Amino acid sequence: MAMKNIFCAILMVLFVSITSFGQTLDGYKYVFVPTLTYTNGGTDIYGISRMLRGFFESKGFIVLTESSTLPNELKVNPCLSLWCVISSSNETSTVTIDLKNCKGEVYNTTQNSDHWLS
């Protein structure tokens, strides 16, 4: 449960700070959110990918995953999408979220559970 609380706090930090990304979320229609895979081969045991997808859907994005077919509109204009990379380390209880746009601009947030657990 602590990891879920950490992730929710990270989402708040990510979207409160998104203006430093160089753009706002306006103008983006799609977001690619892959399933988090751990170095030990496990996949998303805390449901981080699922929570992140739900968060983006609640903000009006069309969420794409590894099994999604790339929409023609996005093939023509890749700048309609953000690409999300999520990584987590069980060893250090760290979650990192990177959002990248078509210009290669990246917004990154990394948080350690020690920061949120007191």
Protein backbone atom coordinates (compact mmCIF):
# COMPACT_ATOMS: atom_id res chain seq x y z
CA MET A 1 0.00 0.00 0.00
CA ALA A 2 2.91 2.36 0.69
CA MET A 3 4.09 2.09 -2.94
CA LYS A 4 0.60 3.08 -4.14
CA ASN A 5 0.66 6.15 -1.89
CA ILE A 6 4.13 7.03 -3.17
CA PHE A 7 2.94 6.76 -6.75
CA CYS A 8 -0.10 8.97 -6.12
CA ALA A 9 2.19 11.60 -4.62
CA ILE A 10 4.48 11.33 -7.64
CA LEU A 11 1.51 11.90 -9.97
CA MET A 12 0.66 15.07 -8.08
CA VAL A 13 4.25 16.32 -8.37
CA LEU A 14 4.33 15.39 -12.06
CA PHE A 15 1.21 17.29 -13.05
CA VAL A 16 1.66 20.27 -10.77
CA SER A 17 5.11 20.74 -12.30
CA ILE A 18 4.19 19.95 -15.92
CA THR A 19 4.44 23.59 -16.98
CA SER A 20 8.22 23.29 -16.66
CA PHE A 21 8.01 20.69 -19.43
CA GLY A 22 8.08 23.52 -21.96
CA GLN A 23 4.43 23.09 -22.86
CA THR A 24 1.22 22.36 -21.07
CA LEU A 25 -0.75 19.20 -21.67
CA ASP A 26 -2.91 21.15 -24.13
CA GLY A 27 -2.36 19.97 -27.69
CA TYR A 28 -1.58 16.39 -26.77
CA LYS A 29 -4.30 13.90 -27.58
CA TYR A 30 -2.55 10.57 -26.98
CA VAL A 31 -0.21 9.16 -24.38
CA PHE A 32 1.67 5.89 -24.68
CA VAL A 33 1.91 4.14 -21.30
CA PRO A 34 3.64 0.75 -21.48
CA THR A 35 3.36 -1.89 -18.79
CA LEU A 36 6.09 -1.48 -16.20
CA THR A 37 8.55 -4.38 -16.31
CA TYR A 38 11.00 -4.97 -13.48
CA THR A 39 14.60 -6.11 -13.87
CA ASN A 40 13.65 -9.47 -12.34
CA GLY A 41 11.13 -10.06 -15.15
CA GLY A 42 8.02 -9.28 -13.09
CA THR A 43 5.42 -6.91 -14.44
CA ASP A 44 3.73 -4.07 -12.60
CA ILE A 45 3.10 -5.79 -9.27
CA TYR A 46 1.89 -2.52 -7.70
CA GLY A 47 -0.46 -1.53 -10.54
CA ILE A 48 1.52 1.62 -11.35
CA SER A 49 0.92 1.40 -15.11
CA ARG A 50 -2.78 0.84 -14.57
CA MET A 51 -3.05 3.84 -12.20
CA LEU A 52 -1.12 6.05 -14.60
CA ARG A 53 -3.34 5.01 -17.52
CA GLY A 54 -6.43 5.78 -15.47
CA PHE A 55 -5.04 9.16 -14.51
CA PHE A 56 -4.36 10.11 -18.14
CA GLU A 57 -7.79 8.85 -19.22
CA SER A 58 -9.41 11.00 -16.53
CA LYS A 59 -7.61 13.99 -18.08
CA GLY A 60 -9.12 13.22 -21.51
CA PHE A 61 -6.17 11.47 -23.16
CA ILE A 62 -6.48 8.47 -25.44
CA VAL A 63 -4.14 5.97 -23.81
CA LEU A 64 -2.08 3.65 -25.98
CA THR A 65 -0.31 0.50 -24.78
CA GLU A 66 1.97 -2.10 -26.31
CA SER A 67 -1.06 -3.87 -27.80
CA SER A 68 -2.58 -0.73 -29.33
CA THR A 69 -2.67 -0.10 -33.04
CA LEU A 70 -1.10 3.25 -33.86
CA PRO A 71 -3.88 5.59 -35.06
CA ASN A 72 -3.43 7.07 -38.56
CA GLU A 73 -3.71 10.55 -37.10
CA LEU A 74 -0.69 9.84 -34.90
CA LYS A 75 1.28 8.37 -37.81
CA VAL A 76 0.79 11.66 -39.64
CA ASN A 77 1.42 13.88 -36.61
CA PRO A 78 3.47 12.22 -33.84
CA CYS A 79 3.45 15.54 -31.96
CA LEU A 80 -0.08 14.73 -30.78
CA SER A 81 1.38 12.22 -28.32
CA LEU A 82 3.41 12.01 -25.17
CA TRP A 83 5.50 8.90 -24.53
CA CYS A 84 5.69 7.70 -20.96
CA VAL A 85 8.49 5.63 -19.48
CA ILE A 86 7.98 4.25 -15.99
CA SER A 87 10.70 2.54 -14.03
CA SER A 88 10.77 1.26 -10.50
CA SER A 89 13.36 -0.40 -8.35
CA ASN A 90 12.20 -2.68 -5.57
CA GLU A 91 15.68 -2.53 -4.08
CA THR A 92 15.53 1.24 -3.51
CA SER A 93 11.73 1.79 -3.59
CA THR A 94 12.24 4.39 -6.30
CA VAL A 95 9.73 5.27 -9.00
CA THR A 96 10.76 7.30 -12.06
CA ILE A 97 8.34 8.70 -14.62
CA ASP A 98 9.59 10.27 -17.84
CA LEU A 99 7.28 11.98 -20.32
CA LYS A 100 8.75 12.69 -23.74
CA ASN A 101 7.25 14.68 -26.58
CA CYS A 102 8.00 14.58 -30.32
CA LYS A 103 10.73 17.20 -29.94
CA GLY A 104 12.62 15.00 -27.52
CA GLU A 105 11.81 17.27 -24.58
CA VAL A 106 11.61 15.23 -21.40
CA TYR A 107 9.96 15.88 -18.09
CA ASN A 108 11.29 13.59 -15.38
CA THR A 109 10.30 13.00 -11.79
CA THR A 110 11.95 10.52 -9.47
CA GLN A 111 10.82 9.87 -5.92
CA ASN A 112 12.03 7.51 -3.23
CA SER A 113 9.65 6.01 -0.68
CA ASP A 114 11.84 7.35 2.15
CA HIS A 115 10.74 10.82 1.08
CA TRP A 116 7.06 10.00 1.51
CA LEU A 117 7.22 7.66 4.50
CA SER A 118 7.96 9.33 7.81
